[in-house]
C-alpha atoms as a PDB file:
ATOM      1  CA  MET A   1       6.395 -14.742  -2.643  1.00  0.00           C
ATOM      2  CA  ILE A   2       5.054 -12.242  -0.147  1.00  0.00           C
ATOM      3  CA  SER A   3       3.025 -10.804  -3.079  1.00  0.00           C
ATOM      4  CA  ARG A   4       1.403 -14.229  -4.003  1.00  0.00           C
ATOM      5  CA  GLU A   5       0.424 -14.822  -0.421  1.00  0.00           C
ATOM      6  CA  PHE A   6      -0.945 -11.370   0.261  1.00  0.00           C
ATOM      7  CA  LYS A   7      -3.143 -11.838  -3.182  1.00  0.00           C
ATOM      8  CA  SER A   8      -4.177 -15.310  -2.047  1.00  0.00           C
ATOM      9  CA  ILE A   9      -5.439 -13.999   1.249  1.00  0.00           C
ATOM     10  CA  ARG A  10      -6.904 -10.805  -0.214  1.00  0.00           C
ATOM     11  CA  ASP A  11      -8.954 -12.518  -2.645  1.00  0.00           C
ATOM     12  CA  SER A  12      -9.984 -15.872  -0.378  1.00  0.00           C
ATOM     13  CA  GLN A  13     -10.322 -14.810   3.205  1.00  0.00           C
ATOM     14  CA  VAL A  14     -10.891 -10.786   3.088  1.00  0.00           C
ATOM     15  CA  GLY A  15     -13.750 -10.862   1.066  1.00  0.00           C
ATOM     16  CA  LEU A  16     -13.444  -7.011   0.659  1.00  0.00           C
ATOM     17  CA  TYR A  17     -12.622  -6.838  -3.389  1.00  0.00           C
ATOM     18  CA  GLU A  18     -14.932  -9.315  -4.656  1.00  0.00           C
ATOM     19  CA  ASN A  19     -16.858  -6.800  -7.066  1.00  0.00           C
ATOM     20  CA  TYR A  20     -13.255  -5.245  -8.392  1.00  0.00           C
ATOM     21  CA  GLN A  21     -11.581  -6.366 -11.451  1.00  0.00           C
ATOM     22  CA  GLU A  22      -7.883  -7.831 -11.135  1.00  0.00           C
ATOM     23  CA  GLY A  23      -6.102  -4.517 -12.001  1.00  0.00           C
ATOM     24  CA  GLU A  24      -8.419  -2.570  -9.327  1.00  0.00           C
ATOM     25  CA  LYS A  25      -7.591  -4.679  -6.343  1.00  0.00           C
ATOM     26  CA  PRO A  26      -4.697  -3.176  -4.055  1.00  0.00           C
ATOM     27  CA  THR A  27      -1.480  -5.009  -4.218  1.00  0.00           C
ATOM     28  CA  PHE A  28       1.037  -5.579  -1.551  1.00  0.00           C
ATOM     29  CA  HIS A  29       3.570  -3.235  -3.003  1.00  0.00           C
ATOM     30  CA  GLU A  30       0.820  -0.580  -3.739  1.00  0.00           C
ATOM     31  CA  ILE A  31       0.137  -0.238  -0.081  1.00  0.00           C
ATOM     32  CA  ARG A  32       3.725  -0.542   1.001  1.00  0.00           C
ATOM     33  CA  ALA A  33       4.484   2.227  -1.419  1.00  0.00           C
ATOM     34  CA  LEU A  34       1.646   4.478  -0.045  1.00  0.00           C
ATOM     35  CA  GLY A  35       2.805   3.456   3.643  1.00  0.00           C
ATOM     36  CA  GLU A  36       6.302   4.956   2.682  1.00  0.00           C
ATOM     37  CA  LYS A  37       4.843   7.893   0.905  1.00  0.00           C
ATOM     38  CA  LEU A  38       2.739   8.852   3.990  1.00  0.00           C
ATOM     39  CA  TYR A  39       5.982   8.185   6.214  1.00  0.00           C
ATOM     40  CA  LYS A  40       7.644  10.203   4.197  1.00  0.00           C
ATOM     41  CA  ASP A  41       5.277  13.106   4.205  1.00  0.00           C
ATOM     42  CA  GLN A  42       5.391  12.997   7.767  1.00  0.00           C
ATOM     43  CA  GLY A  43       8.928  13.696   7.995  1.00  0.00           C
ATOM     44  CA  LYS A  44      10.117   9.928   8.937  1.00  0.00           C
ATOM     45  CA  ASP A  45      12.575   8.041   7.289  1.00  0.00           C
ATOM     46  CA  PRO A  46      10.981   5.991   4.488  1.00  0.00           C
ATOM     47  CA  LYS A  47      13.942   3.624   4.873  1.00  0.00           C
ATOM     48  CA  GLN A  48      12.951   2.301   8.194  1.00  0.00           C
ATOM     49  CA  LEU A  49       9.379   1.494   7.265  1.00  0.00           C
ATOM     50  CA  GLY A  50      10.701  -0.153   4.059  1.00  0.00           C
ATOM     51  CA  GLY A  51      13.632  -2.121   5.903  1.00  0.00           C
ATOM     52  CA  TRP A  52      15.717  -0.764   2.985  1.00  0.00           C
ATOM     53  CA  ALA A  53      19.650  -0.907   3.129  1.00  0.00           C
ATOM     54  CA  SER A  54      20.452   2.215   1.164  1.00  0.00           C
ATOM     55  CA  GLU A  55      18.823   5.269   0.221  1.00  0.00           C
ATOM     56  CA  LYS A  56      19.447   4.258  -3.653  1.00  0.00           C
ATOM     57  CA  MET A  57      16.769   1.496  -2.719  1.00  0.00           C
ATOM     58  CA  VAL A  58      14.606   3.748  -1.434  1.00  0.00           C
ATOM     59  CA  LYS A  59      14.414   5.810  -4.405  1.00  0.00           C
ATOM     60  CA  ASN A  60      14.146   2.850  -6.787  1.00  0.00           C
ATOM     61  CA  TYR A  61      10.911   1.846  -4.808  1.00  0.00           C
ATOM     62  CA  ASP A  62       9.466   5.257  -4.590  1.00  0.00           C
ATOM     63  CA  SER A  63      10.078   6.019  -8.234  1.00  0.00           C
ATOM     64  CA  GLY A  64       6.892   7.179  -9.886  1.00  0.00           C
ATOM     65  CA  HIS A  65       4.769   7.322  -6.888  1.00  0.00           C
ATOM     66  CA  SER A  66       5.199  11.259  -6.316  1.00  0.00           C
ATOM     67  CA  GLU A  67       3.777  11.803  -9.635  1.00  0.00           C
ATOM     68  CA  ILE A  68       0.224   9.897  -8.523  1.00  0.00           C
ATOM     69  CA  ARG A  69      -2.236  12.610  -7.344  1.00  0.00           C
ATOM     70  CA  TRP A  70      -3.562  11.715  -3.977  1.00  0.00           C
ATOM     71  CA  ILE A  71      -6.953  12.743  -2.763  1.00  0.00           C
ATOM     72  CA  ASN A  72      -8.329  12.759   0.417  1.00  0.00           C
ATOM     73  CA  ALA A  73     -11.363  10.447   0.895  1.00  0.00           C
ATOM     74  CA  VAL A  74     -13.557   9.584   3.716  1.00  0.00           C
ATOM     75  CA  ALA A  75     -13.971   5.862   4.680  1.00  0.00           C
ATOM     76  CA  ASP A  76     -17.326   5.225   5.644  1.00  0.00           C
ATOM     77  CA  LEU A  77     -16.910   1.497   6.741  1.00  0.00           C
ATOM     78  CA  LYS A  78     -18.577  -0.160   9.708  1.00  0.00           C
ATOM     79  CA  ILE A  79     -15.931  -2.346  10.882  1.00  0.00           C
ATOM     80  CA  ALA A  80     -17.741  -3.729  13.966  1.00  0.00           C
ATOM     81  CA  GLU A  81     -20.782  -2.974  16.097  1.00  0.00           C
ATOM     82  CA  ILE A  82     -20.636  -2.403  19.213  1.00  0.00           C
END
């Protein structure tokens, strides 16, 4: 249910991904997995961020994400003008 609501808000209210194909738009779970990876990279317990009850669930959710080749990119966005 949270995935559907996230998608609904992302597509109808945010307006950042209008020119993207459906498979290119970030999903709730992709963003959550990235957050957990970054948390883990900092030496934090991803179980706290994800709210998982067990280490088994952390590993299940994280499976396959460590093979992704992440790159650093500069987000050159103007959020607000002051």
